[in-house]
Amino acid sequence: MLYSKKYLPVGSVVGLEGDSRRLLVIGRQLYSQTNNVIRDYAAVPYPKGFTDSREKLIELFAMYPFSFSA
């Protein structure tokens, strides 16, 4: 791991505060070539998921408030 942080497991369903969508975490600590930064999470809409290779992933920093759904 790049940083010693506690991350949610891949497969977790989260929601961003102020947004009714739910997101499925599909990756952690990903390098974004677009912005040259390391993102804490990559996510796709839940329950739709990743259905098209041309879709963009949702890249999240942990600093954005989110809630965890079991």
C-alpha atoms as a PDB file:
ATOM      1  CA  MET A   1       0.000   0.000   0.000  1.00  0.00           C
ATOM      2  CA  LEU A   2       1.152   3.470  -0.761  1.00  0.00           C
ATOM      3  CA  TYR A   3      -0.195   5.001   2.439  1.00  0.00           C
ATOM      4  CA  SER A   4      -1.033   3.437   5.765  1.00  0.00           C
ATOM      5  CA  LYS A   5      -4.680   4.486   5.906  1.00  0.00           C
ATOM      6  CA  LYS A   6      -7.757   2.462   6.703  1.00  0.00           C
ATOM      7  CA  TYR A   7      -9.674   1.950   3.472  1.00  0.00           C
ATOM      8  CA  LEU A   8     -13.097   0.485   2.865  1.00  0.00           C
ATOM      9  CA  PRO A   9     -13.014  -2.933   1.226  1.00  0.00           C
ATOM     10  CA  VAL A  10     -13.526  -3.234  -2.521  1.00  0.00           C
ATOM     11  CA  GLY A  11     -17.200  -4.066  -3.005  1.00  0.00           C
ATOM     12  CA  SER A  12     -18.411  -1.560  -0.397  1.00  0.00           C
ATOM     13  CA  VAL A  13     -21.472   0.492  -1.309  1.00  0.00           C
ATOM     14  CA  VAL A  14     -21.151   4.154  -0.318  1.00  0.00           C
ATOM     15  CA  GLY A  15     -23.141   7.335  -0.711  1.00  0.00           C
ATOM     16  CA  LEU A  16     -21.859  10.894  -0.944  1.00  0.00           C
ATOM     17  CA  GLU A  17     -23.406  13.464   1.360  1.00  0.00           C
ATOM     18  CA  GLY A  18     -25.917  15.626  -0.479  1.00  0.00           C
ATOM     19  CA  ASP A  19     -26.220  13.112  -3.338  1.00  0.00           C
ATOM     20  CA  SER A  20     -28.872  10.398  -3.528  1.00  0.00           C
ATOM     21  CA  ARG A  21     -26.768   8.077  -5.730  1.00  0.00           C
ATOM     22  CA  ARG A  22     -25.060   5.005  -4.332  1.00  0.00           C
ATOM     23  CA  LEU A  23     -21.587   4.008  -5.529  1.00  0.00           C
ATOM     24  CA  LEU A  24     -19.816   0.651  -5.532  1.00  0.00           C
ATOM     25  CA  VAL A  25     -16.100   0.834  -4.647  1.00  0.00           C
ATOM     26  CA  ILE A  26     -14.101  -1.082  -7.280  1.00  0.00           C
ATOM     27  CA  GLY A  27     -10.575   0.101  -6.516  1.00  0.00           C
ATOM     28  CA  ARG A  28      -8.384   1.891  -4.001  1.00  0.00           C
ATOM     29  CA  GLN A  29      -5.300   4.097  -4.297  1.00  0.00           C
ATOM     30  CA  LEU A  30      -5.448   4.656  -8.038  1.00  0.00           C
ATOM     31  CA  TYR A  31      -3.149   6.994  -9.913  1.00  0.00           C
ATOM     32  CA  SER A  32      -5.044   9.519 -12.044  1.00  0.00           C
ATOM     33  CA  GLN A  33      -2.994  10.361 -15.131  1.00  0.00           C
ATOM     34  CA  THR A  34      -5.393  13.180 -15.957  1.00  0.00           C
ATOM     35  CA  ASN A  35      -4.585  15.136 -12.789  1.00  0.00           C
ATOM     36  CA  ASN A  36      -1.332  13.435 -11.715  1.00  0.00           C
ATOM     37  CA  VAL A  37      -2.742  12.592  -8.288  1.00  0.00           C
ATOM     38  CA  ILE A  38      -3.471   9.437  -6.347  1.00  0.00           C
ATOM     39  CA  ARG A  39      -7.198   8.961  -5.753  1.00  0.00           C
ATOM     40  CA  ASP A  40      -8.354   7.164  -2.644  1.00  0.00           C
ATOM     41  CA  TYR A  41     -11.175   5.286  -4.368  1.00  0.00           C
ATOM     42  CA  ALA A  42     -12.594   4.424  -7.761  1.00  0.00           C
ATOM     43  CA  ALA A  43     -16.303   3.696  -7.907  1.00  0.00           C
ATOM     44  CA  VAL A  44     -19.124   2.952 -10.309  1.00  0.00           C
ATOM     45  CA  PRO A  45     -22.856   3.606  -9.935  1.00  0.00           C
ATOM     46  CA  TYR A  46     -24.694   0.988  -7.863  1.00  0.00           C
ATOM     47  CA  PRO A  47     -26.521  -1.250  -8.810  1.00  0.00           C
ATOM     48  CA  LYS A  48     -25.838  -0.540 -12.515  1.00  0.00           C
ATOM     49  CA  GLY A  49     -22.092  -1.133 -12.229  1.00  0.00           C
ATOM     50  CA  PHE A  50     -19.514  -0.888 -14.999  1.00  0.00           C
ATOM     51  CA  THR A  51     -21.315  -1.830 -18.219  1.00  0.00           C
ATOM     52  CA  ASP A  52     -19.327  -0.092 -20.956  1.00  0.00           C
ATOM     53  CA  SER A  53     -15.550   0.162 -21.357  1.00  0.00           C
ATOM     54  CA  ARG A  54     -15.973   3.764 -22.533  1.00  0.00           C
ATOM     55  CA  GLU A  55     -17.589   4.830 -19.260  1.00  0.00           C
ATOM     56  CA  LYS A  56     -15.501   6.904 -16.902  1.00  0.00           C
ATOM     57  CA  LEU A  57     -14.866   5.715 -13.383  1.00  0.00           C
ATOM     58  CA  ILE A  58     -15.865   7.939 -10.510  1.00  0.00           C
ATOM     59  CA  GLU A  59     -12.648   8.909  -8.722  1.00  0.00           C
ATOM     60  CA  LEU A  60     -12.962   9.901  -5.089  1.00  0.00           C
ATOM     61  CA  PHE A  61     -10.759  11.350  -2.418  1.00  0.00           C
ATOM     62  CA  ALA A  62     -11.569  10.199   1.087  1.00  0.00           C
ATOM     63  CA  MET A  63     -11.853  13.859   2.093  1.00  0.00           C
ATOM     64  CA  TYR A  64     -15.296  13.968   0.438  1.00  0.00           C
ATOM     65  CA  PRO A  65     -17.891  13.111   3.067  1.00  0.00           C
ATOM     66  CA  PHE A  66     -19.484   9.748   2.371  1.00  0.00           C
ATOM     67  CA  SER A  67     -21.506   7.225   4.259  1.00  0.00           C
ATOM     68  CA  PHE A  68     -20.971   3.474   4.286  1.00  0.00           C
ATOM     69  CA  SER A  69     -23.871   1.099   3.661  1.00  0.00           C
ATOM     70  CA  ALA A  70     -23.643  -2.487   4.838  1.00  0.00           C
END
